[in-house]
Every structure is written in C-alpha cells, then in structure tokens.
Amino acid sequence: SRPPLSSQGSQSIVVVLDGVPQEAGLELLHGFRVGDVEEVRRLNARDATTRFGTNMTAVAVVIVTKH
C-alpha cells in the first residue's frame, strides 16, 4: 500500500495542474472545490520525469480540472 500524501513532505511532492507544474505544492489543493476537479492521479518520480521533464525528482499529483 502507498503511504498517504502529507504536507510534511510537500518538498517531495509536485502538484501539476492542467499539465503545468506548480510552485505552491500541496498548499494549492486547499483552494479546490471537489466539483471543479475532473481527475486526480499520482505519478511516481520516474513516470513524472518521463511525462514532465528531468526536473521532476518527486512524486507528482496530477490534477485535471473541468473546463
């Protein structure tokens, strides 16, 4: 089983919002309404690097909002 995502390790978690990595980290999630989110996925560092580039050295939480 995967460990839960926590704000204590927020430096090791990158939030990707609609395809764009965000600097705010997990704090960004506090402003979201559930109804605005279409999809949430977790990518390990290897998969995040493959998809978003070599600067992804951490777990990525990928959020796709409804347009």
C-alpha atoms as a PDB file:
ATOM      1  CA  SER A   1       0.000   0.000   0.000  1.00  0.00           C
ATOM      2  CA  ARG A   2       1.114   3.568  -0.670  1.00  0.00           C
ATOM      3  CA  PRO A   3       1.805   5.977   2.162  1.00  0.00           C
ATOM      4  CA  PRO A   4      -0.623   8.903   2.363  1.00  0.00           C
ATOM      5  CA  LEU A   5       0.370  12.248   0.899  1.00  0.00           C
ATOM      6  CA  SER A   6       1.065  14.722   3.659  1.00  0.00           C
ATOM      7  CA  SER A   7       2.063  18.346   3.855  1.00  0.00           C
ATOM      8  CA  GLN A   8       5.123  17.394   5.913  1.00  0.00           C
ATOM      9  CA  GLY A   9       6.800  16.042   2.798  1.00  0.00           C
ATOM     10  CA  SER A  10       5.497  18.714   0.463  1.00  0.00           C
ATOM     11  CA  GLN A  11       9.004  19.420  -0.896  1.00  0.00           C
ATOM     12  CA  SER A  12       8.982  15.908  -2.335  1.00  0.00           C
ATOM     13  CA  ILE A  13       5.548  16.289  -3.942  1.00  0.00           C
ATOM     14  CA  VAL A  14       4.938  18.325  -7.083  1.00  0.00           C
ATOM     15  CA  VAL A  15       1.403  19.386  -7.972  1.00  0.00           C
ATOM     16  CA  VAL A  16       0.698  19.505 -11.704  1.00  0.00           C
ATOM     17  CA  LEU A  17      -2.433  21.484 -12.520  1.00  0.00           C
ATOM     18  CA  ASP A  18      -3.857  21.040 -16.015  1.00  0.00           C
ATOM     19  CA  GLY A  19      -0.434  19.962 -17.313  1.00  0.00           C
ATOM     20  CA  VAL A  20       1.597  22.738 -15.650  1.00  0.00           C
ATOM     21  CA  PRO A  21       3.845  22.011 -12.617  1.00  0.00           C
ATOM     22  CA  GLN A  22       3.013  24.439  -9.799  1.00  0.00           C
ATOM     23  CA  GLU A  23       5.381  26.023  -7.297  1.00  0.00           C
ATOM     24  CA  ALA A  24       2.812  26.120  -4.470  1.00  0.00           C
ATOM     25  CA  GLY A  25       2.903  22.373  -3.785  1.00  0.00           C
ATOM     26  CA  LEU A  26       0.192  20.753  -1.711  1.00  0.00           C
ATOM     27  CA  GLU A  27      -0.989  24.100  -0.338  1.00  0.00           C
ATOM     28  CA  LEU A  28      -2.536  24.673  -3.762  1.00  0.00           C
ATOM     29  CA  LEU A  29      -5.030  21.891  -3.063  1.00  0.00           C
ATOM     30  CA  HIS A  30      -6.709  23.782  -0.218  1.00  0.00           C
ATOM     31  CA  GLY A  31      -8.448  26.140  -2.634  1.00  0.00           C
ATOM     32  CA  PHE A  32     -10.113  23.500  -4.797  1.00  0.00           C
ATOM     33  CA  ARG A  33     -13.789  22.672  -4.819  1.00  0.00           C
ATOM     34  CA  VAL A  34     -14.413  18.974  -5.443  1.00  0.00           C
ATOM     35  CA  GLY A  35     -16.895  19.827  -8.192  1.00  0.00           C
ATOM     36  CA  ASP A  36     -14.162  21.610 -10.192  1.00  0.00           C
ATOM     37  CA  VAL A  37     -11.892  18.552 -10.375  1.00  0.00           C
ATOM     38  CA  GLU A  38     -12.287  16.069 -13.204  1.00  0.00           C
ATOM     39  CA  GLU A  39      -9.367  13.761 -12.379  1.00  0.00           C
ATOM     40  CA  VAL A  40      -6.590  13.279  -9.823  1.00  0.00           C
ATOM     41  CA  ARG A  41      -3.658  10.928 -10.413  1.00  0.00           C
ATOM     42  CA  ARG A  42      -0.443  10.128  -8.573  1.00  0.00           C
ATOM     43  CA  LEU A  43       2.737   9.565 -10.583  1.00  0.00           C
ATOM     44  CA  ASN A  44       5.955   8.227  -9.113  1.00  0.00           C
ATOM     45  CA  ALA A  45       9.133  10.241  -9.773  1.00  0.00           C
ATOM     46  CA  ARG A  46      10.173   8.102 -12.747  1.00  0.00           C
ATOM     47  CA  ASP A  47       6.821   8.429 -14.512  1.00  0.00           C
ATOM     48  CA  ALA A  48       6.628  12.157 -13.672  1.00  0.00           C
ATOM     49  CA  THR A  49      10.088  12.693 -15.191  1.00  0.00           C
ATOM     50  CA  THR A  50       9.072  10.828 -18.342  1.00  0.00           C
ATOM     51  CA  ARG A  51       5.958  12.939 -18.722  1.00  0.00           C
ATOM     52  CA  PHE A  52       7.048  16.390 -17.468  1.00  0.00           C
ATOM     53  CA  GLY A  53      10.841  16.516 -17.792  1.00  0.00           C
ATOM     54  CA  THR A  54      14.067  15.928 -15.907  1.00  0.00           C
ATOM     55  CA  ASN A  55      13.344  18.409 -13.114  1.00  0.00           C
ATOM     56  CA  MET A  56      10.696  16.095 -11.661  1.00  0.00           C
ATOM     57  CA  THR A  57      12.560  14.392  -8.819  1.00  0.00           C
ATOM     58  CA  ALA A  58       9.493  13.674  -6.709  1.00  0.00           C
ATOM     59  CA  VAL A  59       6.038  12.184  -6.663  1.00  0.00           C
ATOM     60  CA  ALA A  60       3.605  14.210  -8.761  1.00  0.00           C
ATOM     61  CA  VAL A  61      -0.062  14.755  -8.013  1.00  0.00           C
ATOM     62  CA  VAL A  62      -1.680  15.455 -11.379  1.00  0.00           C
ATOM     63  CA  ILE A  63      -4.958  17.375 -11.261  1.00  0.00           C
ATOM     64  CA  VAL A  64      -7.170  17.909 -14.287  1.00  0.00           C
ATOM     65  CA  THR A  65      -9.932  20.454 -13.798  1.00  0.00           C
ATOM     66  CA  LYS A  66     -13.237  20.656 -15.636  1.00  0.00           C
ATOM     67  CA  HIS A  67     -13.141  23.279 -18.368  1.00  0.00           C
END
